[in-house]
């Protein structure tokens, strides 16, 4: 029996292939998994763009396991000062740079000094609005 291949196209113009088996459930699981992965990538790009616009220039996918390992190692879990983060499903993708596999399940958002001009503008606007309302 010859196996057929189904090409699945995504907005990135990359092509992914799923091998058709006799069970339609197998194909559905593969397609759903690929769509979830692609949706996550699109959401991270959109989140990064919106965060950057607001001054949060640090927006990178991470895996929560590093945090759990760190607080466990430092004794915070045993002392009860910190709790581990539950581990949501993980997304894996190949890195173009060194052919390593990147795994993440969360996004770390932060800022550098680039937030200050945006914050000062916002604060000035708030102050101006308060002056207008107090007249």
N, C-alpha and C. Protein backbone atom coordinates (compact mmCIF):
# COMPACT_ATOMS: atom_id res chain seq x y z
N UNK A 1 0.84 -1.18 0.00
CA UNK A 1 0.00 0.00 0.00
C UNK A 1 0.89 1.24 0.00
N UNK A 2 0.64 2.11 -0.95
CA UNK A 2 1.42 3.34 -1.07
C UNK A 2 0.87 4.40 -0.13
N UNK A 3 1.78 5.07 0.63
CA UNK A 3 1.35 6.10 1.56
C UNK A 3 1.27 7.43 0.83
N UNK A 4 0.20 8.18 1.09
CA UNK A 4 0.04 9.51 0.51
C UNK A 4 0.56 10.54 1.51
N UNK A 5 1.04 11.67 1.00
CA UNK A 5 1.48 12.77 1.86
C UNK A 5 0.56 13.96 1.62
N UNK A 6 0.19 14.61 2.73
CA UNK A 6 -0.64 15.79 2.65
C UNK A 6 0.22 17.00 2.97
N UNK A 7 0.22 17.99 2.12
CA UNK A 7 0.99 19.21 2.34
C UNK A 7 0.11 20.20 3.07
N UNK A 8 0.61 20.77 4.16
CA UNK A 8 -0.12 21.75 4.93
C UNK A 8 0.64 23.06 4.82
N UNK A 9 0.03 24.11 4.27
CA UNK A 9 0.69 25.40 4.11
C UNK A 9 0.29 26.33 5.24
N UNK A 10 1.24 27.12 5.71
CA UNK A 10 1.03 28.08 6.78
C UNK A 10 1.38 29.46 6.27
N UNK A 11 1.00 30.52 7.01
CA UNK A 11 1.30 31.89 6.56
C UNK A 11 2.78 32.16 6.32
N UNK A 12 3.65 31.41 6.95
CA UNK A 12 5.08 31.64 6.77
C UNK A 12 5.59 31.06 5.46
N UNK A 13 4.70 30.47 4.68
CA UNK A 13 5.02 29.84 3.40
C UNK A 13 5.90 28.60 3.56
N UNK A 14 6.03 28.13 4.77
CA UNK A 14 6.76 26.87 4.96
C UNK A 14 5.77 25.74 4.71
N UNK A 15 6.28 24.62 4.30
CA UNK A 15 5.41 23.49 4.09
C UNK A 15 5.75 22.40 5.10
N UNK A 16 4.70 21.81 5.66
CA UNK A 16 4.86 20.71 6.58
C UNK A 16 4.15 19.50 5.96
N UNK A 17 4.65 18.32 6.24
CA UNK A 17 4.04 17.13 5.67
C UNK A 17 3.58 16.19 6.76
N UNK A 18 2.41 15.65 6.56
CA UNK A 18 1.87 14.65 7.47
C UNK A 18 1.61 13.38 6.65
N UNK A 19 2.06 12.26 7.16
CA UNK A 19 1.84 11.01 6.46
C UNK A 19 0.43 10.52 6.74
N UNK A 20 -0.31 10.21 5.68
CA UNK A 20 -1.67 9.70 5.86
C UNK A 20 -1.61 8.25 6.29
N UNK A 21 -2.31 7.95 7.33
CA UNK A 21 -2.47 6.57 7.80
C UNK A 21 -3.92 6.17 7.51
N UNK A 22 -4.26 4.96 7.81
CA UNK A 22 -5.62 4.52 7.57
C UNK A 22 -6.60 5.17 8.55
N UNK A 23 -6.10 5.62 9.72
CA UNK A 23 -6.96 6.21 10.73
C UNK A 23 -7.04 7.73 10.55
N UNK A 24 -8.25 8.28 10.40
CA UNK A 24 -8.37 9.74 10.28
C UNK A 24 -7.99 10.47 11.56
N UNK A 25 -8.04 9.79 12.70
CA UNK A 25 -7.68 10.41 13.98
C UNK A 25 -6.19 10.80 13.97
N UNK A 26 -5.33 9.96 13.40
CA UNK A 26 -3.90 10.27 13.33
C UNK A 26 -3.67 11.56 12.58
N UNK A 27 -4.29 11.70 11.42
CA UNK A 27 -4.13 12.92 10.63
C UNK A 27 -4.66 14.14 11.36
N UNK A 28 -5.79 14.00 12.02
CA UNK A 28 -6.36 15.12 12.77
C UNK A 28 -5.41 15.57 13.86
N UNK A 29 -4.82 14.66 14.59
CA UNK A 29 -3.89 15.02 15.66
C UNK A 29 -2.67 15.74 15.12
N UNK A 30 -2.13 15.28 14.01
CA UNK A 30 -0.96 15.91 13.41
C UNK A 30 -1.31 17.32 12.95
N UNK A 31 -2.42 17.46 12.26
CA UNK A 31 -2.83 18.77 11.75
C UNK A 31 -3.10 19.73 12.91
N UNK A 32 -3.80 19.27 13.93
CA UNK A 32 -4.10 20.12 15.09
C UNK A 32 -2.80 20.55 15.77
N UNK A 33 -1.88 19.64 15.95
CA UNK A 33 -0.60 19.96 16.58
C UNK A 33 0.16 21.02 15.78
N UNK A 34 0.20 20.86 14.46
CA UNK A 34 0.89 21.83 13.61
C UNK A 34 0.20 23.19 13.64
N UNK A 35 -1.11 23.20 13.65
CA UNK A 35 -1.84 24.47 13.70
C UNK A 35 -1.63 25.19 15.03
N UNK A 36 -1.62 24.44 16.13
CA UNK A 36 -1.36 25.04 17.44
C UNK A 36 0.03 25.64 17.48
N UNK A 37 1.01 24.92 16.95
CA UNK A 37 2.38 25.41 16.90
C UNK A 37 2.46 26.70 16.10
N UNK A 38 1.85 26.72 14.92
CA UNK A 38 1.89 27.91 14.06
C UNK A 38 1.17 29.07 14.73
N UNK A 39 0.04 28.80 15.37
CA UNK A 39 -0.71 29.84 16.06
C UNK A 39 0.13 30.44 17.19
N UNK A 40 0.85 29.61 17.93
CA UNK A 40 1.71 30.10 19.01
C UNK A 40 2.79 31.02 18.47
N UNK A 41 3.40 30.65 17.35
CA UNK A 41 4.44 31.49 16.75
C UNK A 41 3.88 32.85 16.31
N UNK A 42 2.70 32.83 15.72
CA UNK A 42 2.05 34.08 15.29
C UNK A 42 1.73 34.95 16.50
N UNK A 43 1.23 34.34 17.57
CA UNK A 43 0.88 35.08 18.78
C UNK A 43 2.12 35.69 19.43
N UNK A 44 3.22 34.96 19.46
CA UNK A 44 4.45 35.49 20.06
C UNK A 44 4.96 36.67 19.25
N UNK A 45 4.92 36.57 17.92
CA UNK A 45 5.34 37.70 17.08
C UNK A 45 4.46 38.93 17.33
N UNK A 46 3.16 38.72 17.41
CA UNK A 46 2.23 39.83 17.64
C UNK A 46 2.44 40.43 19.03
N UNK A 47 2.64 39.57 20.03
CA UNK A 47 2.89 40.04 21.39
C UNK A 47 4.18 40.85 21.45
N UNK A 48 5.22 40.35 20.81
CA UNK A 48 6.51 41.05 20.79
C UNK A 48 6.36 42.44 20.14
N UNK A 49 5.60 42.52 19.05
CA UNK A 49 5.39 43.81 18.36
C UNK A 49 4.65 44.78 19.28
N UNK A 50 3.57 44.33 19.91
CA UNK A 50 2.79 45.21 20.79
C UNK A 50 3.60 45.63 22.00
N UNK A 51 4.35 44.72 22.58
CA UNK A 51 5.17 45.05 23.75
C UNK A 51 6.23 46.08 23.40
N UNK A 52 6.89 45.90 22.25
CA UNK A 52 7.93 46.83 21.81
C UNK A 52 7.34 48.22 21.60
N UNK A 53 6.15 48.29 21.02
CA UNK A 53 5.49 49.59 20.81
C UNK A 53 5.25 50.32 22.12
N UNK A 54 5.03 49.58 23.20
CA UNK A 54 4.73 50.18 24.50
C UNK A 54 5.97 50.35 25.38
N UNK A 55 7.15 49.97 24.87
CA UNK A 55 8.39 50.16 25.62
C UNK A 55 8.91 48.91 26.30
N UNK A 56 8.20 47.81 26.19
CA UNK A 56 8.67 46.55 26.77
C UNK A 56 9.46 45.80 25.70
N UNK A 57 10.75 46.11 25.64
CA UNK A 57 11.58 45.61 24.55
C UNK A 57 12.14 44.21 24.78
N UNK A 58 11.87 43.65 25.93
CA UNK A 58 12.28 42.27 26.21
C UNK A 58 11.03 41.39 26.19
N UNK A 59 10.91 40.58 25.19
CA UNK A 59 9.74 39.71 25.04
C UNK A 59 10.22 38.45 24.34
N UNK A 60 10.54 37.44 25.13
CA UNK A 60 11.14 36.24 24.56
C UNK A 60 10.49 34.98 25.11
N UNK A 61 10.32 33.96 24.25
CA UNK A 61 9.79 32.69 24.71
C UNK A 61 10.78 32.03 25.67
N UNK A 62 10.25 31.43 26.72
CA UNK A 62 11.07 30.71 27.70
C UNK A 62 10.37 29.41 28.06
N UNK A 63 11.06 28.56 28.78
CA UNK A 63 10.44 27.36 29.33
C UNK A 63 10.42 27.50 30.85
N UNK A 64 9.28 27.28 31.46
CA UNK A 64 9.12 27.49 32.91
C UNK A 64 9.95 26.53 33.75
N UNK A 65 10.47 25.47 33.15
CA UNK A 65 11.24 24.49 33.92
C UNK A 65 12.49 25.11 34.54
N UNK A 66 13.11 26.11 33.88
CA UNK A 66 14.31 26.73 34.45
C UNK A 66 13.98 27.38 35.78
N UNK A 67 12.81 28.04 35.87
CA UNK A 67 12.39 28.68 37.12
C UNK A 67 12.14 27.62 38.19
N UNK A 68 11.41 26.58 37.84
CA UNK A 68 11.13 25.51 38.79
C UNK A 68 12.42 24.87 39.31
N UNK A 69 13.36 24.62 38.41
CA UNK A 69 14.65 24.03 38.82
C UNK A 69 15.41 24.97 39.75
N UNK A 70 15.40 26.27 39.43
CA UNK A 70 16.14 27.25 40.23
C UNK A 70 15.58 27.36 41.65
N UNK A 71 14.26 27.50 41.78
CA UNK A 71 13.70 27.66 43.13
C UNK A 71 13.81 26.38 43.94
N UNK A 72 13.79 25.25 43.26
CA UNK A 72 14.00 23.96 43.94
C UNK A 72 15.44 23.89 44.45
N UNK A 73 16.40 24.22 43.59
CA UNK A 73 17.82 24.17 43.93
C UNK A 73 18.16 25.11 45.10
N UNK A 74 17.53 26.30 45.10
CA UNK A 74 17.80 27.28 46.14
C UNK A 74 17.01 27.04 47.43
N UNK A 75 16.18 26.00 47.45
CA UNK A 75 15.48 25.62 48.67
C UNK A 75 14.18 26.35 48.95
N UNK A 76 13.72 27.16 48.01
CA UNK A 76 12.50 27.93 48.24
C UNK A 76 11.25 27.06 48.30
N UNK A 77 11.23 25.99 47.54
CA UNK A 77 10.06 25.10 47.54
C UNK A 77 9.96 24.39 48.88
N UNK A 78 11.09 23.89 49.38
CA UNK A 78 11.11 23.19 50.67
C UNK A 78 10.72 24.13 51.81
N UNK A 79 11.22 25.36 51.77
CA UNK A 79 10.90 26.36 52.81
C UNK A 79 9.45 26.85 52.70
N UNK A 80 8.86 26.71 51.52
CA UNK A 80 7.50 27.19 51.30
C UNK A 80 7.42 28.66 50.91
N UNK A 81 8.57 29.27 50.60
CA UNK A 81 8.56 30.69 50.22
C UNK A 81 8.12 30.89 48.78
N UNK A 82 8.34 29.92 47.91
CA UNK A 82 7.90 30.00 46.52
C UNK A 82 7.32 28.67 46.08
N UNK A 83 6.41 28.72 45.12
CA UNK A 83 5.81 27.50 44.58
C UNK A 83 6.22 27.34 43.12
N UNK A 84 6.28 26.10 42.70
CA UNK A 84 6.60 25.83 41.30
C UNK A 84 5.45 26.26 40.41
N UNK A 85 5.79 26.65 39.20
CA UNK A 85 4.80 26.99 38.19
C UNK A 85 4.37 25.70 37.51
N UNK A 86 3.06 25.53 37.32
CA UNK A 86 2.61 24.35 36.59
C UNK A 86 3.14 24.43 35.17
N UNK A 87 3.40 23.29 34.58
CA UNK A 87 4.02 23.25 33.26
C UNK A 87 2.96 23.07 32.19
N UNK A 88 2.69 24.15 31.42
CA UNK A 88 1.75 24.01 30.31
C UNK A 88 2.39 23.26 29.15
N UNK A 89 1.63 22.94 28.12
CA UNK A 89 2.20 22.24 26.97
C UNK A 89 3.39 23.01 26.39
N UNK A 90 4.36 22.27 25.87
CA UNK A 90 5.59 22.85 25.35
C UNK A 90 5.55 22.91 23.84
N UNK A 91 6.09 24.00 23.29
CA UNK A 91 6.24 24.16 21.85
C UNK A 91 7.70 23.92 21.53
N UNK A 92 7.98 23.16 20.50
CA UNK A 92 9.36 22.90 20.07
C UNK A 92 9.52 23.37 18.64
N UNK A 93 10.67 23.96 18.36
CA UNK A 93 10.97 24.35 16.98
C UNK A 93 12.47 24.33 16.77
N UNK A 94 12.86 24.11 15.54
CA UNK A 94 14.28 24.10 15.18
C UNK A 94 14.78 25.53 15.06
N UNK A 95 15.94 25.79 15.63
CA UNK A 95 16.58 27.11 15.51
C UNK A 95 17.33 27.16 14.19
N UNK A 96 17.21 28.27 13.49
CA UNK A 96 17.93 28.43 12.23
C UNK A 96 19.43 28.62 12.48
N UNK A 97 19.77 29.17 13.63
CA UNK A 97 21.16 29.54 13.91
C UNK A 97 22.09 28.33 14.03
N UNK A 98 21.77 27.41 14.90
CA UNK A 98 22.71 26.32 15.16
C UNK A 98 22.05 24.94 15.12
N UNK A 99 20.89 24.86 14.51
CA UNK A 99 20.17 23.60 14.36
C UNK A 99 19.79 22.97 15.69
N UNK A 100 19.73 23.78 16.75
CA UNK A 100 19.28 23.29 18.06
C UNK A 100 17.75 23.34 18.10
N UNK A 101 17.17 22.57 19.00
CA UNK A 101 15.73 22.60 19.18
C UNK A 101 15.40 23.53 20.33
N UNK A 102 14.56 24.54 20.06
CA UNK A 102 14.10 25.47 21.08
C UNK A 102 12.81 24.94 21.67
N UNK A 103 12.70 24.96 22.99
CA UNK A 103 11.48 24.51 23.66
C UNK A 103 11.02 25.62 24.60
N UNK A 104 9.74 25.96 24.52
CA UNK A 104 9.21 27.00 25.38
C UNK A 104 7.74 26.76 25.66
N UNK A 105 7.26 27.34 26.76
CA UNK A 105 5.86 27.23 27.13
C UNK A 105 5.34 28.50 27.79
N UNK A 106 6.14 29.57 27.74
CA UNK A 106 5.74 30.85 28.33
C UNK A 106 6.51 31.96 27.62
N UNK A 107 6.13 33.19 27.91
CA UNK A 107 6.82 34.34 27.35
C UNK A 107 7.23 35.25 28.50
N UNK A 108 8.51 35.60 28.54
CA UNK A 108 9.03 36.52 29.54
C UNK A 108 8.97 37.93 28.96
N UNK A 109 8.32 38.84 29.69
CA UNK A 109 8.18 40.23 29.23
C UNK A 109 8.88 41.13 30.22
N UNK A 110 9.71 42.03 29.71
CA UNK A 110 10.43 42.98 30.57
C UNK A 110 10.80 44.21 29.78
N UNK A 111 11.56 45.06 30.43
CA UNK A 111 11.96 46.28 29.74
C UNK A 111 13.36 46.71 30.15
N UNK A 112 13.95 47.50 29.28
CA UNK A 112 15.22 48.14 29.56
C UNK A 112 14.91 49.64 29.72
N UNK A 113 15.90 50.47 29.63
CA UNK A 113 15.67 51.91 29.77
C UNK A 113 14.85 52.48 28.62
N UNK A 114 14.60 51.71 27.59
CA UNK A 114 13.81 52.22 26.46
C UNK A 114 12.36 52.52 26.84
N UNK A 115 11.92 52.06 27.98
CA UNK A 115 10.54 52.33 28.40
C UNK A 115 10.36 53.76 28.90
N UNK A 116 11.42 54.40 29.35
CA UNK A 116 11.29 55.70 30.00
C UNK A 116 10.68 56.78 29.12
N UNK A 117 11.09 56.96 27.87
CA UNK A 117 10.44 58.00 27.06
C UNK A 117 8.93 57.76 26.90
N UNK A 118 8.54 56.51 26.72
CA UNK A 118 7.12 56.19 26.58
C UNK A 118 6.38 56.41 27.90
N UNK A 119 7.02 56.06 29.01
CA UNK A 119 6.40 56.25 30.33
C UNK A 119 6.25 57.74 30.63
N UNK A 120 7.27 58.54 30.34
CA UNK A 120 7.21 59.98 30.58
C UNK A 120 6.10 60.62 29.75
N UNK A 121 5.98 60.19 28.48
CA UNK A 121 4.89 60.69 27.62
C UNK A 121 3.52 60.36 28.23
N UNK A 122 3.37 59.12 28.67
CA UNK A 122 2.11 58.69 29.28
C UNK A 122 1.82 59.47 30.55
N UNK A 123 2.84 59.64 31.39
CA UNK A 123 2.67 60.35 32.65
C UNK A 123 2.30 61.81 32.40
N UNK A 124 2.93 62.44 31.40
CA UNK A 124 2.60 63.82 31.04
C UNK A 124 1.15 63.93 30.58
N UNK A 125 0.72 62.96 29.79
CA UNK A 125 -0.66 62.94 29.32
C UNK A 125 -1.63 62.82 30.50
N UNK A 126 -1.32 61.94 31.44
CA UNK A 126 -2.17 61.76 32.61
C UNK A 126 -2.25 63.05 33.43
N UNK A 127 -1.12 63.70 33.61
CA UNK A 127 -1.07 64.95 34.37
C UNK A 127 -1.89 66.05 33.67
N UNK A 128 -1.74 66.13 32.33
CA UNK A 128 -2.50 67.10 31.56
C UNK A 128 -4.00 66.86 31.67
N UNK A 129 -4.41 65.61 31.64
CA UNK A 129 -5.83 65.28 31.75
C UNK A 129 -6.36 65.64 33.14
N UNK A 130 -5.56 65.42 34.17
CA UNK A 130 -5.97 65.74 35.53
C UNK A 130 -6.13 67.25 35.68
N UNK A 131 -5.21 68.03 35.07
CA UNK A 131 -5.34 69.50 35.12
C UNK A 131 -6.60 69.97 34.41
N UNK A 132 -6.93 69.36 33.27
CA UNK A 132 -8.13 69.73 32.53
C UNK A 132 -9.40 69.49 33.36
N UNK A 133 -9.44 68.37 34.06
CA UNK A 133 -10.61 68.00 34.84
C UNK A 133 -10.74 68.82 36.12
N UNK A 134 -9.65 69.39 36.59
CA UNK A 134 -9.71 70.15 37.84
C UNK A 134 -10.10 71.61 37.63
N UNK A 135 -10.23 72.05 36.38
CA UNK A 135 -10.62 73.44 36.11
C UNK A 135 -12.07 73.67 36.32
